[in-house]
Structure formats: structure tokens, C-alpha cells
Amino acid sequence: MAAHVGVLTIELALYEAASLKDKRRVLKSLKDRMRAQFNAAVAEVDNQDARQRATLAVAMVSADPRHLHSHLDQAVDFVRTCGGASLVGYEKEVL
């Protein structure tokens, strides 16, 4: 049985973040909700010192690549509807 890995890289803008502390609060909430909703690994991977920008990586593993594509698309939709951060762009890759 083959295992497939899906990786989603999400670029976010946090226009209302007045400090890095504000940014961390918004990202912590978003990451926690994504972990719970999608059973995925979520981490901030770039722009750590930029107050109003963030890059998150979301990783999932499944035996079915269609399942991964579906869940990664749902994760993008979830980010689009969450408050505090605006989706700027994303890249999806399933290996």
C-alpha cells in the first residue's frame, strides 16, 4: 500500500496585526483550528518577523491521493473564511 503526502503552502496577509504579538495570536488560533478540523500538521515556515505577512505549511498523509486533494482544497476554503487573516495565495502538491 502506497502512502501519499500532500503539502499546502499558504500565503497570508494580516492587515490588522499591529505587532508581532497580534500576528502570533491570530496564527496560533488558525493553526489550532486547522489541526483539529483536518488532522494535519501546520507550521509557520516563512515571514516569521514580518508583522503583517505569514506563510503556513499544511501537511497531510493518506493512502488515497484524491482524498488529499479534497482535504487540501477544504483547508484553502477554511482559510478563506476565517477571520483575522486574508488569503494571498497558495500552492498545493501531492506526492
C-alpha atoms as a PDB file:
ATOM      1  CA  MET A   1       0.000   0.000   0.000  1.00  0.00           C
ATOM      2  CA  ALA A   2       1.435   3.353  -1.035  1.00  0.00           C
ATOM      3  CA  ALA A   3       1.342   6.413   1.170  1.00  0.00           C
ATOM      4  CA  HIS A   4       0.836   9.822  -0.388  1.00  0.00           C
ATOM      5  CA  VAL A   5       1.854  13.141   1.150  1.00  0.00           C
ATOM      6  CA  GLY A   6       0.017  16.382   0.500  1.00  0.00           C
ATOM      7  CA  VAL A   7       1.627  19.733   1.215  1.00  0.00           C
ATOM      8  CA  LEU A   8      -0.190  23.035   1.090  1.00  0.00           C
ATOM      9  CA  THR A   9       1.746  26.295   1.339  1.00  0.00           C
ATOM     10  CA  ILE A  10      -0.452  29.259   2.231  1.00  0.00           C
ATOM     11  CA  GLU A  11       0.494  32.944   1.946  1.00  0.00           C
ATOM     12  CA  LEU A  12      -1.468  35.180   4.311  1.00  0.00           C
ATOM     13  CA  ALA A  13      -1.840  38.900   4.935  1.00  0.00           C
ATOM     14  CA  LEU A  14      -2.701  40.028   8.459  1.00  0.00           C
ATOM     15  CA  TYR A  15      -3.670  43.640   7.837  1.00  0.00           C
ATOM     16  CA  GLU A  16      -4.974  44.268  11.356  1.00  0.00           C
ATOM     17  CA  ALA A  17      -1.848  42.997  13.156  1.00  0.00           C
ATOM     18  CA  ALA A  18      -0.307  45.982  14.948  1.00  0.00           C
ATOM     19  CA  SER A  19       2.532  43.900  16.404  1.00  0.00           C
ATOM     20  CA  LEU A  20       4.181  40.510  16.137  1.00  0.00           C
ATOM     21  CA  LYS A  21       2.245  39.560  19.275  1.00  0.00           C
ATOM     22  CA  ASP A  22      -1.037  40.234  17.415  1.00  0.00           C
ATOM     23  CA  LYS A  23       0.195  38.166  14.486  1.00  0.00           C
ATOM     24  CA  ARG A  24       1.184  35.227  16.713  1.00  0.00           C
ATOM     25  CA  ARG A  25      -2.242  35.289  18.434  1.00  0.00           C
ATOM     26  CA  VAL A  26      -4.109  35.120  15.103  1.00  0.00           C
ATOM     27  CA  LEU A  27      -1.812  32.420  13.698  1.00  0.00           C
ATOM     28  CA  LYS A  28      -1.974  30.277  16.835  1.00  0.00           C
ATOM     29  CA  SER A  29      -5.760  30.270  16.674  1.00  0.00           C
ATOM     30  CA  LEU A  30      -5.777  29.487  12.952  1.00  0.00           C
ATOM     31  CA  LYS A  31      -3.189  26.695  13.261  1.00  0.00           C
ATOM     32  CA  ASP A  32      -5.008  25.102  16.215  1.00  0.00           C
ATOM     33  CA  ARG A  33      -8.349  25.144  14.363  1.00  0.00           C
ATOM     34  CA  MET A  34      -6.771  23.663  11.215  1.00  0.00           C
ATOM     35  CA  ARG A  35      -5.078  20.892  13.214  1.00  0.00           C
ATOM     36  CA  ALA A  36      -8.369  19.991  14.848  1.00  0.00           C
ATOM     37  CA  GLN A  37     -10.506  20.284  11.702  1.00  0.00           C
ATOM     38  CA  PHE A  38      -8.210  18.458   9.262  1.00  0.00           C
ATOM     39  CA  ASN A  39      -5.952  16.313  11.482  1.00  0.00           C
ATOM     40  CA  ALA A  40      -2.987  17.936   9.738  1.00  0.00           C
ATOM     41  CA  ALA A  41       0.439  19.209  10.695  1.00  0.00           C
ATOM     42  CA  VAL A  42       0.522  23.021  10.444  1.00  0.00           C
ATOM     43  CA  ALA A  43       3.548  25.281  10.895  1.00  0.00           C
ATOM     44  CA  GLU A  44       4.640  28.820  10.119  1.00  0.00           C
ATOM     45  CA  VAL A  45       7.500  28.383   7.663  1.00  0.00           C
ATOM     46  CA  ASP A  46       8.376  31.880   6.405  1.00  0.00           C
ATOM     47  CA  ASN A  47       7.923  35.576   7.155  1.00  0.00           C
ATOM     48  CA  GLN A  48       8.228  34.972  10.910  1.00  0.00           C
ATOM     49  CA  ASP A  49       9.498  38.509  11.544  1.00  0.00           C
ATOM     50  CA  ALA A  50       7.087  40.275   9.179  1.00  0.00           C
ATOM     51  CA  ARG A  51       4.227  41.793  11.164  1.00  0.00           C
ATOM     52  CA  GLN A  52       1.512  41.590   8.505  1.00  0.00           C
ATOM     53  CA  ARG A  53       2.626  38.602   6.395  1.00  0.00           C
ATOM     54  CA  ALA A  54       2.716  34.889   7.150  1.00  0.00           C
ATOM     55  CA  THR A  55       3.448  31.683   5.311  1.00  0.00           C
ATOM     56  CA  LEU A  56       1.963  28.464   6.658  1.00  0.00           C
ATOM     57  CA  ALA A  57       2.639  24.902   5.534  1.00  0.00           C
ATOM     58  CA  VAL A  58      -0.013  22.226   5.993  1.00  0.00           C
ATOM     59  CA  ALA A  59       0.946  18.553   5.620  1.00  0.00           C
ATOM     60  CA  MET A  60      -1.325  15.504   5.373  1.00  0.00           C
ATOM     61  CA  VAL A  61      -0.760  11.813   4.671  1.00  0.00           C
ATOM     62  CA  SER A  62      -3.245   9.408   3.066  1.00  0.00           C
ATOM     63  CA  ALA A  63      -3.377   6.218   1.027  1.00  0.00           C
ATOM     64  CA  ASP A  64      -5.681   7.955  -1.478  1.00  0.00           C
ATOM     65  CA  PRO A  65      -4.350  10.981  -3.410  1.00  0.00           C
ATOM     66  CA  ARG A  66      -7.908  12.098  -4.276  1.00  0.00           C
ATOM     67  CA  HIS A  67      -8.646  12.274  -0.563  1.00  0.00           C
ATOM     68  CA  LEU A  68      -5.601  14.502  -0.092  1.00  0.00           C
ATOM     69  CA  HIS A  69      -6.587  16.846  -2.918  1.00  0.00           C
ATOM     70  CA  SER A  70     -10.080  17.146  -1.467  1.00  0.00           C
ATOM     71  CA  HIS A  71      -8.886  17.851   2.083  1.00  0.00           C
ATOM     72  CA  LEU A  72      -6.267  20.355   0.933  1.00  0.00           C
ATOM     73  CA  ASP A  73      -8.935  22.187  -1.096  1.00  0.00           C
ATOM     74  CA  GLN A  74     -11.158  22.227   2.000  1.00  0.00           C
ATOM     75  CA  ALA A  75      -8.257  23.661   4.014  1.00  0.00           C
ATOM     76  CA  VAL A  76      -7.896  26.501   1.482  1.00  0.00           C
ATOM     77  CA  ASP A  77     -11.629  27.217   1.722  1.00  0.00           C
ATOM     78  CA  PHE A  78     -11.370  27.166   5.519  1.00  0.00           C
ATOM     79  CA  VAL A  79      -8.584  29.769   5.469  1.00  0.00           C
ATOM     80  CA  ARG A  80     -10.591  31.944   3.049  1.00  0.00           C
ATOM     81  CA  THR A  81     -13.476  32.111   5.521  1.00  0.00           C
ATOM     82  CA  CYS A  82     -11.526  32.555   8.743  1.00  0.00           C
ATOM     83  CA  GLY A  83     -11.223  35.946  10.362  1.00  0.00           C
ATOM     84  CA  GLY A  84      -8.045  37.850  11.075  1.00  0.00           C
ATOM     85  CA  ALA A  85      -6.077  36.755   8.009  1.00  0.00           C
ATOM     86  CA  SER A  86      -6.598  37.179   4.277  1.00  0.00           C
ATOM     87  CA  LEU A  87      -5.523  34.535   1.789  1.00  0.00           C
ATOM     88  CA  VAL A  88      -2.985  35.997  -0.656  1.00  0.00           C
ATOM     89  CA  GLY A  89      -2.075  32.789  -2.471  1.00  0.00           C
ATOM     90  CA  TYR A  90      -1.365  29.092  -2.099  1.00  0.00           C
ATOM     91  CA  GLU A  91       0.426  26.134  -3.669  1.00  0.00           C
ATOM     92  CA  LYS A  92      -0.746  22.545  -3.411  1.00  0.00           C
ATOM     93  CA  GLU A  93       1.403  19.498  -4.053  1.00  0.00           C
ATOM     94  CA  VAL A  94       0.571  15.810  -3.645  1.00  0.00           C
ATOM     95  CA  LEU A  95       3.397  13.306  -3.885  1.00  0.00           C
END
